[in-house]
PDB file of N, CA and C in Angstrom:
ATOM      1  N   MET A   1      80.665 -94.366 -75.164  1.00  0.00           N
ATOM      2  CA  MET A   1      79.570 -94.046 -74.267  1.00  0.00           C
ATOM      3  C   MET A   1      78.532 -95.157 -74.336  1.00  0.00           C
ATOM      4  N   GLN A   2      78.222 -95.708 -73.192  1.00  0.00           N
ATOM      5  CA  GLN A   2      77.248 -96.791 -73.141  1.00  0.00           C
ATOM      6  C   GLN A   2      75.832 -96.235 -73.054  1.00  0.00           C
ATOM      7  N   THR A   3      74.917 -96.989 -73.642  1.00  0.00           N
ATOM      8  CA  THR A   3      73.522 -96.583 -73.552  1.00  0.00           C
ATOM      9  C   THR A   3      72.992 -96.926 -72.168  1.00  0.00           C
ATOM     10  N   LEU A   4      71.857 -96.349 -71.836  1.00  0.00           N
ATOM     11  CA  LEU A   4      71.238 -96.642 -70.548  1.00  0.00           C
ATOM     12  C   LEU A   4      70.937 -98.127 -70.426  1.00  0.00           C
ATOM     13  N   TYR A   5      70.499 -98.735 -71.504  1.00  0.00           N
ATOM     14  CA  TYR A   5      70.209-100.172 -71.497  1.00  0.00           C
ATOM     15  C   TYR A   5      71.462-100.973 -71.167  1.00  0.00           C
ATOM     16  N   GLN A   6      72.601-100.623 -71.774  1.00  0.00           N
ATOM     17  CA  GLN A   6      73.851-101.332 -71.514  1.00  0.00           C
ATOM     18  C   GLN A   6      74.301-101.143 -70.067  1.00  0.00           C
ATOM     19  N   GLN A   7      74.100 -99.951 -69.530  1.00  0.00           N
ATOM     20  CA  GLN A   7      74.470 -99.695 -68.140  1.00  0.00           C
ATOM     21  C   GLN A   7      73.617-100.534 -67.195  1.00  0.00           C
ATOM     22  N   LEU A   8      72.307-100.571 -67.438  1.00  0.00           N
ATOM     23  CA  LEU A   8      71.415-101.383 -66.598  1.00  0.00           C
ATOM     24  C   LEU A   8      71.726-102.863 -66.731  1.00  0.00           C
ATOM     25  N   GLN A   9      72.057-103.289 -67.932  1.00  0.00           N
ATOM     26  CA  GLN A   9      72.400-104.690 -68.143  1.00  0.00           C
ATOM     27  C   GLN A   9      73.639-105.057 -67.324  1.00  0.00           C
ATOM     28  N   LEU A  10      74.636-104.196 -67.297  1.00  0.00           N
ATOM     29  CA  LEU A  10      75.831-104.458 -66.496  1.00  0.00           C
ATOM     30  C   LEU A  10      75.470-104.553 -65.016  1.00  0.00           C
ATOM     31  N   ILE A  11      74.667-103.625 -64.541  1.00  0.00           N
ATOM     32  CA  ILE A  11      74.284-103.618 -63.127  1.00  0.00           C
ATOM     33  C   ILE A  11      73.572-104.905 -62.748  1.00  0.00           C
ATOM     34  N   LEU A  12      72.705-105.389 -63.613  1.00  0.00           N
ATOM     35  CA  LEU A  12      71.877-106.546 -63.275  1.00  0.00           C
ATOM     36  C   LEU A  12      72.527-107.889 -63.571  1.00  0.00           C
ATOM     37  N   THR A  13      73.530-107.925 -64.438  1.00  0.00           N
ATOM     38  CA  THR A  13      74.077-109.223 -64.858  1.00  0.00           C
ATOM     39  C   THR A  13      75.574-109.367 -64.651  1.00  0.00           C
ATOM     40  N   ILE A  14      76.199-108.505 -63.903  1.00  0.00           N
ATOM     41  CA  ILE A  14      77.654-108.568 -63.729  1.00  0.00           C
ATOM     42  C   ILE A  14      78.058-109.908 -63.114  1.00  0.00           C
ATOM     43  N   GLU A  15      79.140-110.465 -63.633  1.00  0.00           N
ATOM     44  CA  GLU A  15      79.666-111.727 -63.128  1.00  0.00           C
ATOM     45  C   GLU A  15      80.983-111.479 -62.403  1.00  0.00           C
ATOM     46  N   CYS A  16      81.464-112.504 -61.732  1.00  0.00           N
ATOM     47  CA  CYS A  16      82.655-112.356 -60.886  1.00  0.00           C
ATOM     48  C   CYS A  16      83.882-111.864 -61.653  1.00  0.00           C
ATOM     49  N   GLY A  17      84.074-112.333 -62.865  1.00  0.00           N
ATOM     50  CA  GLY A  17      85.238-111.904 -63.638  1.00  0.00           C
ATOM     51  C   GLY A  17      85.242-110.406 -63.872  1.00  0.00           C
ATOM     52  N   ARG A  18      84.111-109.884 -64.286  1.00  0.00           N
ATOM     53  CA  ARG A  18      83.997-108.437 -64.515  1.00  0.00           C
ATOM     54  C   ARG A  18      84.055-107.682 -63.195  1.00  0.00           C
ATOM     55  N   ALA A  19      83.458-108.254 -62.145  1.00  0.00           N
ATOM     56  CA  ALA A  19      83.484-107.599 -60.832  1.00  0.00           C
ATOM     57  C   ALA A  19      84.917-107.496 -60.305  1.00  0.00           C
ATOM     58  N   SER A  20      85.699-108.543 -60.480  1.00  0.00           N
ATOM     59  CA  SER A  20      87.087-108.486 -60.000  1.00  0.00           C
ATOM     60  C   SER A  20      87.900-107.488 -60.819  1.00  0.00           C
ATOM     61  N   GLN A  21      87.609-107.398 -62.118  1.00  0.00           N
ATOM     62  CA  GLN A  21      88.289-106.397 -62.947  1.00  0.00           C
ATOM     63  C   GLN A  21      87.944-104.989 -62.476  1.00  0.00           C
ATOM     64  N   LEU A  22      86.677-104.736 -62.210  1.00  0.00           N
ATOM     65  CA  LEU A  22      86.262-103.414 -61.730  1.00  0.00           C
ATOM     66  C   LEU A  22      86.861-103.117 -60.356  1.00  0.00           C
ATOM     67  N   THR A  23      86.951-104.139 -59.518  1.00  0.00           N
ATOM     68  CA  THR A  23      87.555-103.945 -58.200  1.00  0.00           C
ATOM     69  C   THR A  23      89.003-103.494 -58.348  1.00  0.00           C
ATOM     70  N   SER A  24      89.741-104.157 -59.213  1.00  0.00           N
ATOM     71  CA  SER A  24      91.134-103.766 -59.450  1.00  0.00           C
ATOM     72  C   SER A  24      91.217-102.347 -60.000  1.00  0.00           C
ATOM     73  N   GLU A  25      90.370-102.043 -60.956  1.00  0.00           N
ATOM     74  CA  GLU A  25      90.388-100.716 -61.559  1.00  0.00           C
ATOM     75  C   GLU A  25      90.004 -99.628 -60.558  1.00  0.00           C
ATOM     76  N   SER A  26      89.181 -99.981 -59.578  1.00  0.00           N
ATOM     77  CA  SER A  26      88.727 -98.972 -58.615  1.00  0.00           C
ATOM     78  C   SER A  26      89.871 -98.427 -57.762  1.00  0.00           C
ATOM     79  N   PHE A  27      90.974 -99.167 -57.683  1.00  0.00           N
ATOM     80  CA  PHE A  27      92.131 -98.673 -56.938  1.00  0.00           C
ATOM     81  C   PHE A  27      92.940 -97.679 -57.767  1.00  0.00           C
ATOM     82  N   GLU A  28      92.717 -97.676 -59.077  1.00  0.00           N
ATOM     83  CA  GLU A  28      93.492 -96.824 -59.973  1.00  0.00           C
ATOM     84  C   GLU A  28      92.701 -95.646 -60.530  1.00  0.00           C
ATOM     85  N   ARG A  29      91.386 -95.780 -60.599  1.00  0.00           N
ATOM     86  CA  ARG A  29      90.569 -94.714 -61.168  1.00  0.00           C
ATOM     87  C   ARG A  29      89.209 -94.715 -60.481  1.00  0.00           C
ATOM     88  N   LYS A  30      88.513 -93.594 -60.622  1.00  0.00           N
ATOM     89  CA  LYS A  30      87.159 -93.519 -60.095  1.00  0.00           C
ATOM     90  C   LYS A  30      86.233 -94.217 -61.078  1.00  0.00           C
ATOM     91  N   LEU A  31      85.495 -95.186 -60.589  1.00  0.00           N
ATOM     92  CA  LEU A  31      84.581 -95.922 -61.455  1.00  0.00           C
ATOM     93  C   LEU A  31      83.404 -95.038 -61.842  1.00  0.00           C
ATOM     94  N   LEU A  32      82.852 -95.331 -63.002  1.00  0.00           N
ATOM     95  CA  LEU A  32      81.639 -94.645 -63.426  1.00  0.00           C
ATOM     96  C   LEU A  32      80.496 -95.058 -62.505  1.00  0.00           C
ATOM     97  N   ARG A  33      79.467 -94.245 -62.446  1.00  0.00           N
ATOM     98  CA  ARG A  33      78.364 -94.504 -61.517  1.00  0.00           C
ATOM     99  C   ARG A  33      77.751 -95.889 -61.721  1.00  0.00           C
ATOM    100  N   HIS A  34      77.475 -96.266 -62.956  1.00  0.00           N
ATOM    101  CA  HIS A  34      76.849 -97.569 -63.185  1.00  0.00           C
ATOM    102  C   HIS A  34      77.802 -98.716 -62.849  1.00  0.00           C
ATOM    103  N   GLU A  35      79.118 -98.496 -63.000  1.00  0.00           N
ATOM    104  CA  GLU A  35      80.092 -99.517 -62.606  1.00  0.00           C
ATOM    105  C   GLU A  35      80.109 -99.685 -61.086  1.00  0.00           C
ATOM    106  N   ARG A  36      80.050 -98.558 -60.365  1.00  0.00           N
ATOM    107  CA  ARG A  36      80.009 -98.633 -58.891  1.00  0.00           C
ATOM    108  C   ARG A  36      78.759 -99.370 -58.416  1.00  0.00           C
ATOM    109  N   TRP A  37      77.606 -99.051 -59.037  1.00  0.00           N
ATOM    110  CA  TRP A  37      76.361 -99.718 -58.658  1.00  0.00           C
ATOM    111  C   TRP A  37      76.430-101.211 -58.955  1.00  0.00           C
ATOM    112  N   ALA A  38      76.933-101.558 -60.124  1.00  0.00           N
ATOM    113  CA  ALA A  38      77.034-102.969 -60.503  1.00  0.00           C
ATOM    114  C   ALA A  38      77.910-103.723 -59.510  1.00  0.00           C
ATOM    115  N   LEU A  39      79.045-103.140 -59.172  1.00  0.00           N
ATOM    116  CA  LEU A  39      79.965-103.777 -58.238  1.00  0.00           C
ATOM    117  C   LEU A  39      79.347-103.886 -56.853  1.00  0.00           C
ATOM    118  N   TRP A  40      78.681-102.841 -56.420  1.00  0.00           N
ATOM    119  CA  TRP A  40      78.055-102.847 -55.102  1.00  0.00           C
ATOM    120  C   TRP A  40      76.978-103.926 -55.012  1.00  0.00           C
ATOM    121  N   PHE A  41      76.105-103.983 -56.013  1.00  0.00           N
ATOM    122  CA  PHE A  41      75.049-104.995 -56.006  1.00  0.00           C
ATOM    123  C   PHE A  41      75.636-106.405 -56.051  1.00  0.00           C
ATOM    124  N   HIS A  42      76.651-106.589 -56.863  1.00  0.00           N
ATOM    125  CA  HIS A  42      77.255-107.912 -56.975  1.00  0.00           C
ATOM    126  C   HIS A  42      77.863-108.355 -55.641  1.00  0.00           C
ATOM    127  N   LYS A  43      78.580-107.434 -55.004  1.00  0.00           N
ATOM    128  CA  LYS A  43      79.247-107.803 -53.750  1.00  0.00           C
ATOM    129  C   LYS A  43      78.270-108.040 -52.601  1.00  0.00           C
ATOM    130  N   LEU A  44      77.040-107.548 -52.731  1.00  0.00           N
ATOM    131  CA  LEU A  44      76.037-107.842 -51.699  1.00  0.00           C
ATOM    132  C   LEU A  44      75.822-109.345 -51.555  1.00  0.00           C
ATOM    133  N   SER A  45      75.899-110.054 -52.670  1.00  0.00           N
ATOM    134  CA  SER A  45      75.603-111.482 -52.631  1.00  0.00           C
ATOM    135  C   SER A  45      76.808-112.373 -52.903  1.00  0.00           C
ATOM    136  N   CYS A  46      77.975-111.803 -53.147  1.00  0.00           N
ATOM    137  CA  CYS A  46      79.141-112.613 -53.518  1.00  0.00           C
ATOM    138  C   CYS A  46      80.263-112.464 -52.496  1.00  0.00           C
ATOM    139  N   TRP A  47      80.399-113.453 -51.657  1.00  0.00           N
ATOM    140  CA  TRP A  47      81.433-113.445 -50.620  1.00  0.00           C
ATOM    141  C   TRP A  47      82.820-113.443 -51.256  1.00  0.00           C
ATOM    142  N   SER A  48      82.991-114.197 -52.331  1.00  0.00           N
ATOM    143  CA  SER A  48      84.310-114.304 -52.971  1.00  0.00           C
ATOM    144  C   SER A  48      84.812-112.958 -53.467  1.00  0.00           C
ATOM    145  N   CYS A  49      83.940-112.185 -54.066  1.00  0.00           N
ATOM    146  CA  CYS A  49      84.359-110.870 -54.572  1.00  0.00           C
ATOM    147  C   CYS A  49      84.631-109.884 -53.441  1.00  0.00           C
ATOM    148  N   ARG A  50      83.881-109.998 -52.353  1.00  0.00           N
ATOM    149  CA  ARG A  50      84.179-109.148 -51.186  1.00  0.00           C
ATOM    150  C   ARG A  50      85.544-109.523 -50.620  1.00  0.00           C
ATOM    151  N   GLN A  51      85.833-110.817 -50.557  1.00  0.00           N
ATOM    152  CA  GLN A  51      87.123-111.292 -50.049  1.00  0.00           C
ATOM    153  C   GLN A  51      88.251-110.850 -50.984  1.00  0.00           C
ATOM    154  N   PHE A  52      88.017-110.928 -52.277  1.00  0.00           N
ATOM    155  CA  PHE A  52      89.021-110.486 -53.252  1.00  0.00           C
ATOM    156  C   PHE A  52      89.378-109.022 -53.038  1.00  0.00           C
ATOM    157  N   GLU A  53      88.369-108.183 -52.801  1.00  0.00           N
ATOM    158  CA  GLU A  53      88.624-106.770 -52.554  1.00  0.00           C
ATOM    159  C   GLU A  53      89.441-106.572 -51.277  1.00  0.00           C
ATOM    160  N   ARG A  54      89.116-107.322 -50.230  1.00  0.00           N
ATOM    161  CA  ARG A  54      89.890-107.221 -48.975  1.00  0.00           C
ATOM    162  C   ARG A  54      91.349-107.604 -49.215  1.00  0.00           C
ATOM    163  N   GLN A  55      91.562-108.674 -49.996  1.00  0.00           N
ATOM    164  CA  GLN A  55      92.927-109.124 -50.265  1.00  0.00           C
ATOM    165  C   GLN A  55      93.705-108.098 -51.083  1.00  0.00           C
ATOM    166  N   LEU A  56      93.064-107.523 -52.090  1.00  0.00           N
ATOM    167  CA  LEU A  56      93.732-106.477 -52.876  1.00  0.00           C
ATOM    168  C   LEU A  56      94.106-105.283 -52.008  1.00  0.00           C
ATOM    169  N   ARG A  57      93.161-104.874 -51.160  1.00  0.00           N
ATOM    170  CA  ARG A  57      93.405-103.738 -50.279  1.00  0.00           C
ATOM    171  C   ARG A  57      94.585-104.032 -49.339  1.00  0.00           C
ATOM    172  N   PHE A  58      94.617-105.253 -48.778  1.00  0.00           N
ATOM    173  CA  PHE A  58      95.694-105.652 -47.876  1.00  0.00           C
ATOM    174  C   PHE A  58      97.036-105.617 -48.603  1.00  0.00           C
ATOM    175  N   LEU A  59      97.101-106.208 -49.796  1.00  0.00           N
ATOM    176  CA  LEU A  59      98.358-106.240 -50.549  1.00  0.00           C
ATOM    177  C   LEU A  59      98.831-104.846 -50.925  1.00  0.00           C
ATOM    178  N   ARG A  60      97.904-104.011 -51.341  1.00  0.00           N
ATOM    179  CA  ARG A  60      98.257-102.637 -51.717  1.00  0.00           C
ATOM    180  C   ARG A  60      98.827-101.882 -50.519  1.00  0.00           C
ATOM    181  N   GLU A  61      98.184-102.010 -49.373  1.00  0.00           N
ATOM    182  CA  GLU A  61      98.665-101.325 -48.170  1.00  0.00           C
ATOM    183  C   GLU A  61     100.007-101.886 -47.709  1.00  0.00           C
ATOM    184  N   ALA A  62     100.198-103.196 -47.838  1.00  0.00           N
ATOM    185  CA  ALA A  62     101.471-103.805 -47.440  1.00  0.00           C
ATOM    186  C   ALA A  62     102.617-103.291 -48.294  1.00  0.00           C
ATOM    187  N   VAL A  63     102.408-103.202 -49.579  1.00  0.00           N
ATOM    188  CA  VAL A  63     103.445-102.693 -50.478  1.00  0.00           C
ATOM    189  C   VAL A  63     103.742-101.231 -50.169  1.00  0.00           C
ATOM    190  N   GLN A  64     102.709-100.450 -49.914  1.00  0.00           N
ATOM    191  CA  GLN A  64     102.921 -99.038 -49.581  1.00  0.00           C
ATOM    192  C   GLN A  64     103.711 -98.891 -48.278  1.00  0.00           C
ATOM    193  N   ARG A  65     103.409 -99.731 -47.285  1.00  0.00           N
ATOM    194  CA  ARG A  65     104.161 -99.678 -46.021  1.00  0.00           C
ATOM    195  C   ARG A  65     105.618-100.044 -46.239  1.00  0.00           C
ATOM    196  N   LEU A  66     105.855-101.062 -47.059  1.00  0.00           N
ATOM    197  CA  LEU A  66     107.234-101.459 -47.337  1.00  0.00           C
ATOM    198  C   LEU A  66     107.990-100.355 -48.072  1.00  0.00           C
ATOM    199  N   GLU A  67     107.336 -99.720 -49.015  1.00  0.00           N
ATOM    200  CA  GLU A  67     107.983 -98.617 -49.739  1.00  0.00           C
ATOM    201  C   GLU A  67     108.330 -97.466 -48.802  1.00  0.00           C
ATOM    202  N   ARG A  68     107.386 -97.143 -47.896  1.00  0.00           N
ATOM    203  CA  ARG A  68     107.667 -96.061 -46.933  1.00  0.00           C
ATOM    204  C   ARG A  68     108.822 -96.440 -46.017  1.00  0.00           C
ATOM    205  N   ALA A  69     108.863 -97.684 -45.568  1.00  0.00           N
ATOM    206  CA  ALA A  69     109.942 -98.126 -44.688  1.00  0.00           C
ATOM    207  C   ALA A  69     111.284 -98.051 -45.411  1.00  0.00           C
ATOM    208  N   GLU A  70     111.294 -98.440 -46.667  1.00  0.00           N
ATOM    209  CA  GLU A  70     112.536 -98.373 -47.438  1.00  0.00           C
ATOM    210  C   GLU A  70     112.986 -96.921 -47.609  1.00  0.00           C
ATOM    211  N   GLN A  71     112.057 -96.028 -47.910  1.00  0.00           N
ATOM    212  CA  GLN A  71     112.405 -94.616 -48.083  1.00  0.00           C
ATOM    213  C   GLN A  71     112.921 -94.017 -46.778  1.00  0.00           C
ATOM    214  N   GLN A  72     112.308 -94.357 -45.656  1.00  0.00           N
ATOM    215  CA  GLN A  72     112.756 -93.840 -44.362  1.00  0.00           C
ATOM    216  C   GLN A  72     114.149 -94.356 -44.023  1.00  0.00           C
ATOM    217  N   SER A  73     114.399 -95.622 -44.320  1.00  0.00           N
ATOM    218  CA  SER A  73     115.716 -96.192 -44.046  1.00  0.00           C
ATOM    219  C   SER A  73     116.782 -95.530 -44.900  1.00  0.00           C
ATOM    220  N   LEU A  74     116.459 -95.312 -46.154  1.00  0.00           N
ATOM    221  CA  LEU A  74     117.434 -94.671 -47.037  1.00  0.00           C
ATOM    222  C   LEU A  74     117.673 -93.223 -46.634  1.00  0.00           C
ATOM    223  N   ALA A  75     116.621 -92.541 -46.202  1.00  0.00           N
ATOM    224  CA  ALA A  75     116.759 -91.154 -45.764  1.00  0.00           C
ATOM    225  C   ALA A  75     117.622 -91.075 -44.504  1.00  0.00           C
ATOM    226  N   ALA A  76     117.558 -92.112 -43.683  1.00  0.00           N
ATOM    227  CA  ALA A  76     118.343 -92.133 -42.453  1.00  0.00           C
ATOM    228  C   ALA A  76     119.776 -92.593 -42.716  1.00  0.00           C
ATOM    229  N   GLY A  77     120.086 -92.921 -43.963  1.00  0.00           N
ATOM    230  CA  GLY A  77     121.446 -93.326 -44.301  1.00  0.00           C
ATOM    231  C   GLY A  77     121.694 -94.802 -44.120  1.00  0.00           C
ATOM    232  N   GLU A  78     120.678 -95.549 -43.812  1.00  0.00           N
ATOM    233  CA  GLU A  78     120.846 -96.991 -43.644  1.00  0.00           C
ATOM    234  C   GLU A  78     120.888 -97.645 -45.025  1.00  0.00           C
ATOM    235  N   THR A  79     121.586 -98.735 -45.090  1.00  0.00           N
ATOM    236  CA  THR A  79     121.584 -99.501 -46.337  1.00  0.00           C
ATOM    237  C   THR A  79     120.811-100.787 -46.104  1.00  0.00           C
ATOM    238  N   LEU A  80     120.098-101.185 -47.121  1.00  0.00           N
ATOM    239  CA  LEU A  80     119.303-102.398 -47.025  1.00  0.00           C
ATOM    240  C   LEU A  80     120.081-103.585 -47.575  1.00  0.00           C
ATOM    241  N   ASP A  81     119.822-104.717 -47.023  1.00  0.00           N
ATOM    242  CA  ASP A  81     120.405-105.958 -47.491  1.00  0.00           C
ATOM    243  C   ASP A  81     119.985-106.170 -48.952  1.00  0.00           C
ATOM    244  N   PRO A  82     120.912-106.488 -49.842  1.00  0.00           N
ATOM    245  CA  PRO A  82     120.567-106.666 -51.257  1.00  0.00           C
ATOM    246  C   PRO A  82     119.469-107.714 -51.478  1.00  0.00           C
ATOM    247  N   ASP A  83     119.472-108.761 -50.679  1.00  0.00           N
ATOM    248  CA  ASP A  83     118.443-109.798 -50.799  1.00  0.00           C
ATOM    249  C   ASP A  83     117.065-109.222 -50.463  1.00  0.00           C
ATOM    250  N   PHE A  84     117.008-108.387 -49.431  1.00  0.00           N
ATOM    251  CA  PHE A  84     115.749-107.740 -49.043  1.00  0.00           C
ATOM    252  C   PHE A  84     115.269-106.786 -50.131  1.00  0.00           C
ATOM    253  N   LYS A  85     116.203-106.035 -50.737  1.00  0.00           N
ATOM    254  CA  LYS A  85     115.844-105.130 -51.831  1.00  0.00           C
ATOM    255  C   LYS A  85     115.205-105.899 -52.988  1.00  0.00           C
ATOM    256  N   GLN A  86     115.773-107.048 -53.295  1.00  0.00           N
ATOM    257  CA  GLN A  86     115.235-107.856 -54.391  1.00  0.00           C
ATOM    258  C   GLN A  86     113.815-108.327 -54.071  1.00  0.00           C
ATOM    259  N   ARG A  87     113.565-108.728 -52.840  1.00  0.00           N
ATOM    260  CA  ARG A  87     112.219-109.162 -52.440  1.00  0.00           C
ATOM    261  C   ARG A  87     111.236-107.994 -52.520  1.00  0.00           C
ATOM    262  N   LEU A  88     111.661-106.793 -52.146  1.00  0.00           N
ATOM    263  CA  LEU A  88     110.781-105.618 -52.252  1.00  0.00           C
ATOM    264  C   LEU A  88     110.419-105.336 -53.711  1.00  0.00           C
ATOM    265  N   LYS A  89     111.401-105.425 -54.587  1.00  0.00           N
ATOM    266  CA  LYS A  89     111.134-105.167 -56.002  1.00  0.00           C
ATOM    267  C   LYS A  89     110.125-106.156 -56.565  1.00  0.00           C
ATOM    268  N   GLN A  90     110.159-107.373 -56.096  1.00  0.00           N
ATOM    269  CA  GLN A  90     109.231-108.387 -56.585  1.00  0.00           C
ATOM    270  C   GLN A  90     107.814-108.137 -56.096  1.00  0.00           C
ATOM    271  N   LEU A  91     107.651-107.418 -55.000  1.00  0.00           N
ATOM    272  CA  LEU A  91     106.326-107.134 -54.461  1.00  0.00           C
ATOM    273  C   LEU A  91     105.610-105.998 -55.168  1.00  0.00           C
ATOM    274  N   LYS A  92     106.352-105.111 -55.799  1.00  0.00           N
ATOM    275  CA  LYS A  92     105.742-103.952 -56.434  1.00  0.00           C
ATOM    276  C   LYS A  92     104.835-104.388 -57.570  1.00  0.00           C
ATOM    277  N   PRO A  93     103.641-103.723 -57.687  1.00  0.00           N
ATOM    278  CA  PRO A  93     102.705-104.100 -58.756  1.00  0.00           C
ATOM    279  C   PRO A  93     103.194-103.711 -60.133  1.00  0.00           C
TER     280      PRO A  93
END
C-alpha cells in the first residue's frame, strides 16, 4: 500500500517508461486511481505515450480480429494454410 505522498509523487513525476508500463497494464487490469491520474496527466503533454497507447490498442484489436476469423473458419469446417497458422501464432501476445 502506497502512502498518499508516494501516490502524489507518481502523479506529478511519472516518466515515459512508467507511463508505457501502466498503459500496457491497463489492458489487463483496472489501474488504481492514482495510476490512472498519473497516466492521464502524463499523456496530456506526451505525444509519444498517446501514440504508444494507440498502437497497443490497434495491435490488440488486430490480434482479436484474427483469432475470431480463425475460429469462424474452423467452425465452418475450413482448414487454414499451415503457413498462415504459423503467422497467427507469432502474433499472439
